[in-house]
Amino acid sequence: MDPGPPLRVFYRLTKGGEAMEPALKALGAWAETYLPDGGQCPDRFRT
């Protein structure tokens, strides 16, 4: 955290989290191909 206003917090993935990137990209490509609406998130799940 950086001191003083405005408060800012920085996040970083672990090496394990970074290692998941190829699998998540492949899953996204699958969703675009095989799910209705190109794998877009349904409106009921959007905030």
N, C-alpha and C. Protein backbone atom coordinates (compact mmCIF):
# COMPACT_ATOMS: atom_id res chain seq x y z
N MET A 1 0.84 -1.17 0.00
CA MET A 1 0.00 0.00 0.00
C MET A 1 0.89 1.24 0.00
N ASP A 2 0.48 2.23 -0.76
CA ASP A 2 1.18 3.50 -0.74
C ASP A 2 0.61 4.37 0.37
N PRO A 3 1.47 5.08 1.11
CA PRO A 3 0.97 5.93 2.17
C PRO A 3 0.26 7.17 1.61
N GLY A 4 -0.66 7.68 2.38
CA GLY A 4 -1.32 8.95 2.04
C GLY A 4 -2.45 8.80 1.04
N PRO A 5 -3.30 9.84 1.02
CA PRO A 5 -4.42 9.82 0.08
C PRO A 5 -3.93 10.04 -1.34
N PRO A 6 -4.56 9.56 -2.36
CA PRO A 6 -5.60 8.54 -2.24
C PRO A 6 -4.98 7.18 -1.95
N LEU A 7 -5.72 6.38 -1.24
CA LEU A 7 -5.27 5.05 -0.89
C LEU A 7 -5.22 4.19 -2.15
N ARG A 8 -4.08 3.55 -2.38
CA ARG A 8 -3.94 2.66 -3.54
C ARG A 8 -3.38 1.33 -3.06
N VAL A 9 -3.94 0.27 -3.59
CA VAL A 9 -3.48 -1.07 -3.27
C VAL A 9 -3.10 -1.75 -4.57
N PHE A 10 -1.97 -2.41 -4.59
CA PHE A 10 -1.50 -3.10 -5.79
C PHE A 10 -1.60 -4.61 -5.57
N TYR A 11 -2.07 -5.31 -6.59
CA TYR A 11 -2.20 -6.75 -6.52
C TYR A 11 -1.33 -7.37 -7.61
N ARG A 12 -0.83 -8.54 -7.35
CA ARG A 12 -0.04 -9.27 -8.34
C ARG A 12 -0.35 -10.75 -8.20
N LEU A 13 -0.45 -11.45 -9.32
CA LEU A 13 -0.67 -12.88 -9.29
C LEU A 13 0.59 -13.60 -8.81
N THR A 14 0.38 -14.72 -8.17
CA THR A 14 1.50 -15.58 -7.82
C THR A 14 1.99 -16.28 -9.09
N LYS A 15 3.13 -16.96 -9.00
CA LYS A 15 3.62 -17.71 -10.16
C LYS A 15 2.61 -18.78 -10.56
N GLY A 16 1.96 -19.38 -9.55
CA GLY A 16 0.93 -20.37 -9.85
C GLY A 16 -0.23 -19.76 -10.61
N GLY A 17 -0.64 -18.56 -10.22
CA GLY A 17 -1.72 -17.86 -10.92
C GLY A 17 -1.33 -17.49 -12.33
N GLU A 18 -0.10 -17.02 -12.50
CA GLU A 18 0.38 -16.67 -13.84
C GLU A 18 0.45 -17.91 -14.73
N ALA A 19 0.77 -19.06 -14.14
CA ALA A 19 0.87 -20.30 -14.90
C ALA A 19 -0.48 -20.74 -15.46
N MET A 20 -1.57 -20.23 -14.90
CA MET A 20 -2.91 -20.59 -15.37
C MET A 20 -3.31 -19.83 -16.63
N GLU A 21 -2.57 -18.80 -17.00
CA GLU A 21 -2.96 -17.95 -18.13
C GLU A 21 -3.21 -18.73 -19.42
N PRO A 22 -2.32 -19.65 -19.86
CA PRO A 22 -2.60 -20.36 -21.11
C PRO A 22 -3.90 -21.17 -21.04
N ALA A 23 -4.16 -21.82 -19.92
CA ALA A 23 -5.39 -22.61 -19.79
C ALA A 23 -6.62 -21.71 -19.82
N LEU A 24 -6.56 -20.56 -19.17
CA LEU A 24 -7.71 -19.65 -19.16
C LEU A 24 -7.96 -19.05 -20.54
N LYS A 25 -6.89 -18.76 -21.26
CA LYS A 25 -7.06 -18.24 -22.63
C LYS A 25 -7.68 -19.31 -23.52
N ALA A 26 -7.24 -20.56 -23.36
CA ALA A 26 -7.81 -21.65 -24.15
C ALA A 26 -9.29 -21.84 -23.81
N LEU A 27 -9.64 -21.74 -22.55
CA LEU A 27 -11.04 -21.86 -22.15
C LEU A 27 -11.87 -20.72 -22.74
N GLY A 28 -11.33 -19.52 -22.76
CA GLY A 28 -12.03 -18.40 -23.38
C GLY A 28 -12.25 -18.61 -24.87
N ALA A 29 -11.24 -19.13 -25.56
CA ALA A 29 -11.38 -19.42 -26.99
C ALA A 29 -12.44 -20.49 -27.22
N TRP A 30 -12.47 -21.50 -26.37
CA TRP A 30 -13.50 -22.55 -26.47
C TRP A 30 -14.88 -21.93 -26.31
N ALA A 31 -15.03 -21.06 -25.31
CA ALA A 31 -16.32 -20.43 -25.05
C ALA A 31 -16.78 -19.60 -26.24
N GLU A 32 -15.87 -18.88 -26.85
CA GLU A 32 -16.24 -18.06 -28.01
C GLU A 32 -16.73 -18.93 -29.17
N THR A 33 -16.18 -20.13 -29.29
CA THR A 33 -16.55 -21.04 -30.37
C THR A 33 -17.85 -21.79 -30.10
N TYR A 34 -18.01 -22.29 -28.88
CA TYR A 34 -19.07 -23.26 -28.61
C TYR A 34 -20.25 -22.75 -27.80
N LEU A 35 -20.13 -21.64 -27.13
CA LEU A 35 -21.24 -21.16 -26.31
C LEU A 35 -22.07 -20.13 -27.07
N PRO A 36 -23.37 -20.05 -26.75
CA PRO A 36 -24.22 -19.04 -27.40
C PRO A 36 -23.68 -17.64 -27.11
N ASP A 37 -23.89 -16.75 -28.04
CA ASP A 37 -23.46 -15.35 -27.91
C ASP A 37 -21.95 -15.23 -27.76
N GLY A 38 -21.21 -16.18 -28.32
CA GLY A 38 -19.75 -16.10 -28.29
C GLY A 38 -19.16 -16.18 -26.89
N GLY A 39 -19.88 -16.80 -25.98
CA GLY A 39 -19.35 -16.98 -24.62
C GLY A 39 -19.45 -15.75 -23.74
N GLN A 40 -20.24 -14.76 -24.17
CA GLN A 40 -20.38 -13.55 -23.36
C GLN A 40 -21.13 -13.85 -22.06
N CYS A 41 -20.81 -13.10 -21.04
CA CYS A 41 -21.45 -13.26 -19.73
C CYS A 41 -22.92 -12.85 -19.84
N PRO A 42 -23.86 -13.70 -19.40
CA PRO A 42 -25.29 -13.33 -19.44
C PRO A 42 -25.55 -12.09 -18.59
N ASP A 43 -26.51 -11.30 -19.02
CA ASP A 43 -26.84 -10.06 -18.32
C ASP A 43 -27.17 -10.30 -16.85
N ARG A 44 -27.78 -11.44 -16.53
CA ARG A 44 -28.18 -11.68 -15.13
C ARG A 44 -26.97 -11.78 -14.19
N PHE A 45 -25.78 -12.00 -14.74
CA PHE A 45 -24.58 -12.09 -13.91
C PHE A 45 -23.79 -10.79 -13.88
N ARG A 46 -24.21 -9.82 -14.63
CA ARG A 46 -23.51 -8.53 -14.66
C ARG A 46 -24.01 -7.63 -13.54
N THR A 47 -23.15 -6.82 -13.00
CA THR A 47 -23.56 -5.91 -11.93
C THR A 47 -23.85 -4.55 -12.46
